[in-house]
Amino acid sequence: MPGGKSYVERYTKRFNKPVELYSPYAYDGTRAVFAAMKKANSTDPHLYLASLKTTNMKGVTTNELAYDQYGDLKYGGVTVYKVVNGKWQPLTTVGTK
């Protein structure tokens, strides 16, 4: 994750515990919704969802957080893990920028 190290430091400092598995993704998604609300100057989903579709920003999990015409992440990543000495170790991440 491009912003992972900084995110882990800030999260740990604020919550005094390790990062939850999906929290970086929730953080990026929430930031995207907030940015769309700000751009639309509204919290009404009927107004800000059009702005959300045009999201293109740097996130914690990717350098380019954007959505396709179906509302799915354009560059959603998948991490491949391997068990080494009984612990999961990331091997590679594909599909993200």
C-alpha atoms as a PDB file:
ATOM      1  CA  MET A   1       0.000   0.000   0.000  1.00  0.00           C
ATOM      2  CA  PRO A   2       1.589   3.273  -1.068  1.00  0.00           C
ATOM      3  CA  GLY A   3       0.363   5.125   2.041  1.00  0.00           C
ATOM      4  CA  GLY A   4       0.485   2.107   4.325  1.00  0.00           C
ATOM      5  CA  LYS A   5       3.412   3.047   6.551  1.00  0.00           C
ATOM      6  CA  SER A   6       2.041   6.497   7.365  1.00  0.00           C
ATOM      7  CA  TYR A   7      -1.460   5.096   7.851  1.00  0.00           C
ATOM      8  CA  VAL A   8      -0.224   2.443  10.300  1.00  0.00           C
ATOM      9  CA  GLU A   9       1.655   5.072  12.312  1.00  0.00           C
ATOM     10  CA  ARG A  10      -1.343   7.417  12.516  1.00  0.00           C
ATOM     11  CA  TYR A  11      -3.822   4.600  13.250  1.00  0.00           C
ATOM     12  CA  THR A  12      -1.663   3.080  15.978  1.00  0.00           C
ATOM     13  CA  LYS A  13      -1.084   6.466  17.601  1.00  0.00           C
ATOM     14  CA  ARG A  14      -4.798   7.304  17.602  1.00  0.00           C
ATOM     15  CA  PHE A  15      -6.290   3.944  18.608  1.00  0.00           C
ATOM     16  CA  ASN A  16      -3.341   2.402  20.477  1.00  0.00           C
ATOM     17  CA  LYS A  17      -3.789  -0.965  18.737  1.00  0.00           C
ATOM     18  CA  PRO A  18      -2.783  -2.639  15.457  1.00  0.00           C
ATOM     19  CA  VAL A  19      -4.528  -1.730  12.219  1.00  0.00           C
ATOM     20  CA  GLU A  20      -7.683  -3.737  11.561  1.00  0.00           C
ATOM     21  CA  LEU A  21      -7.511  -5.749   8.316  1.00  0.00           C
ATOM     22  CA  TYR A  22      -9.895  -3.734   6.145  1.00  0.00           C
ATOM     23  CA  SER A  23      -9.601  -0.345   7.815  1.00  0.00           C
ATOM     24  CA  PRO A  24      -7.302   1.192   5.147  1.00  0.00           C
ATOM     25  CA  TYR A  25      -9.887   0.354   2.484  1.00  0.00           C
ATOM     26  CA  ALA A  26     -12.731   1.747   4.585  1.00  0.00           C
ATOM     27  CA  TYR A  27     -10.631   4.862   5.179  1.00  0.00           C
ATOM     28  CA  ASP A  28     -10.070   5.378   1.441  1.00  0.00           C
ATOM     29  CA  GLY A  29     -13.738   4.756   0.645  1.00  0.00           C
ATOM     30  CA  THR A  30     -14.890   7.172   3.322  1.00  0.00           C
ATOM     31  CA  ARG A  31     -12.468   9.844   2.113  1.00  0.00           C
ATOM     32  CA  ALA A  32     -13.814   9.382  -1.431  1.00  0.00           C
ATOM     33  CA  VAL A  33     -17.415   9.855  -0.228  1.00  0.00           C
ATOM     34  CA  PHE A  34     -16.446  12.940   1.793  1.00  0.00           C
ATOM     35  CA  ALA A  35     -14.657  14.418  -1.233  1.00  0.00           C
ATOM     36  CA  ALA A  36     -17.743  13.782  -3.402  1.00  0.00           C
ATOM     37  CA  MET A  37     -19.998  15.449  -0.803  1.00  0.00           C
ATOM     38  CA  LYS A  38     -17.699  18.431  -0.666  1.00  0.00           C
ATOM     39  CA  LYS A  39     -17.559  18.684  -4.474  1.00  0.00           C
ATOM     40  CA  ALA A  40     -21.375  18.466  -4.694  1.00  0.00           C
ATOM     41  CA  ASN A  41     -21.764  20.760  -1.680  1.00  0.00           C
ATOM     42  CA  SER A  42     -24.347  18.313  -0.357  1.00  0.00           C
ATOM     43  CA  THR A  43     -24.817  15.234   1.807  1.00  0.00           C
ATOM     44  CA  ASP A  44     -27.777  14.136  -0.311  1.00  0.00           C
ATOM     45  CA  PRO A  45     -26.786  10.909  -2.138  1.00  0.00           C
ATOM     46  CA  HIS A  46     -28.885  11.933  -5.130  1.00  0.00           C
ATOM     47  CA  LEU A  47     -26.534  14.880  -5.532  1.00  0.00           C
ATOM     48  CA  TYR A  48     -23.114  13.599  -4.468  1.00  0.00           C
ATOM     49  CA  LEU A  49     -23.157  10.164  -6.157  1.00  0.00           C
ATOM     50  CA  ALA A  50     -22.519  11.780  -9.534  1.00  0.00           C
ATOM     51  CA  SER A  51     -19.407  13.383  -8.042  1.00  0.00           C
ATOM     52  CA  LEU A  52     -18.318  10.074  -6.518  1.00  0.00           C
ATOM     53  CA  LYS A  53     -18.276   8.509  -9.986  1.00  0.00           C
ATOM     54  CA  THR A  54     -15.650  11.050 -11.040  1.00  0.00           C
ATOM     55  CA  THR A  55     -13.363  10.363  -8.070  1.00  0.00           C
ATOM     56  CA  ASN A  56      -9.695  10.204  -8.938  1.00  0.00           C
ATOM     57  CA  MET A  57      -7.447  10.686  -5.923  1.00  0.00           C
ATOM     58  CA  LYS A  58      -4.447   9.244  -4.171  1.00  0.00           C
ATOM     59  CA  GLY A  59      -5.386   6.919  -1.354  1.00  0.00           C
ATOM     60  CA  VAL A  60      -3.719   4.895   1.363  1.00  0.00           C
ATOM     61  CA  THR A  61      -4.300   1.655  -0.546  1.00  0.00           C
ATOM     62  CA  THR A  62      -3.517   2.890  -4.062  1.00  0.00           C
ATOM     63  CA  ASN A  63      -1.936   5.792  -5.903  1.00  0.00           C
ATOM     64  CA  GLU A  64      -5.073   6.194  -8.010  1.00  0.00           C
ATOM     65  CA  LEU A  65      -8.430   5.696  -6.300  1.00  0.00           C
ATOM     66  CA  ALA A  66     -11.053   5.786  -9.050  1.00  0.00           C
ATOM     67  CA  TYR A  67     -14.257   3.978  -9.987  1.00  0.00           C
ATOM     68  CA  ASP A  68     -15.475   2.455 -13.245  1.00  0.00           C
ATOM     69  CA  GLN A  69     -18.903   2.926 -14.836  1.00  0.00           C
ATOM     70  CA  TYR A  70     -20.326   0.206 -12.561  1.00  0.00           C
ATOM     71  CA  GLY A  71     -19.094   1.795  -9.344  1.00  0.00           C
ATOM     72  CA  ASP A  72     -16.320  -0.760  -8.859  1.00  0.00           C
ATOM     73  CA  LEU A  73     -12.730   0.200  -8.160  1.00  0.00           C
ATOM     74  CA  LYS A  74     -10.803   0.662 -11.402  1.00  0.00           C
ATOM     75  CA  TYR A  75      -7.560  -0.546  -9.878  1.00  0.00           C
ATOM     76  CA  GLY A  76      -8.630  -2.838  -7.065  1.00  0.00           C
ATOM     77  CA  GLY A  77      -5.677  -4.842  -5.846  1.00  0.00           C
ATOM     78  CA  VAL A  78      -5.348  -8.446  -4.804  1.00  0.00           C
ATOM     79  CA  THR A  79      -2.545  -9.565  -2.499  1.00  0.00           C
ATOM     80  CA  VAL A  80      -1.178 -13.091  -2.735  1.00  0.00           C
ATOM     81  CA  TYR A  81       0.081 -14.571   0.547  1.00  0.00           C
ATOM     82  CA  LYS A  82       2.207 -17.565   1.496  1.00  0.00           C
ATOM     83  CA  VAL A  83       2.379 -19.268   4.890  1.00  0.00           C
ATOM     84  CA  VAL A  84       5.968 -19.183   6.203  1.00  0.00           C
ATOM     85  CA  ASN A  85       6.694 -20.775   9.575  1.00  0.00           C
ATOM     86  CA  GLY A  86       2.996 -20.721  10.391  1.00  0.00           C
ATOM     87  CA  LYS A  87       2.529 -17.011   9.551  1.00  0.00           C
ATOM     88  CA  TRP A  88       0.988 -15.347   6.515  1.00  0.00           C
ATOM     89  CA  GLN A  89       3.565 -13.411   4.481  1.00  0.00           C
ATOM     90  CA  PRO A  90       2.564 -11.220   1.513  1.00  0.00           C
ATOM     91  CA  LEU A  91       4.228 -12.300  -1.735  1.00  0.00           C
ATOM     92  CA  THR A  92       2.898  -9.767  -4.209  1.00  0.00           C
ATOM     93  CA  THR A  93       0.028  -7.405  -4.895  1.00  0.00           C
ATOM     94  CA  VAL A  94      -1.436  -7.140  -8.393  1.00  0.00           C
ATOM     95  CA  GLY A  95      -4.035  -4.960 -10.062  1.00  0.00           C
ATOM     96  CA  THR A  96      -3.384  -1.720  -8.205  1.00  0.00           C
ATOM     97  CA  LYS A  97      -1.490   1.412  -9.153  1.00  0.00           C
END
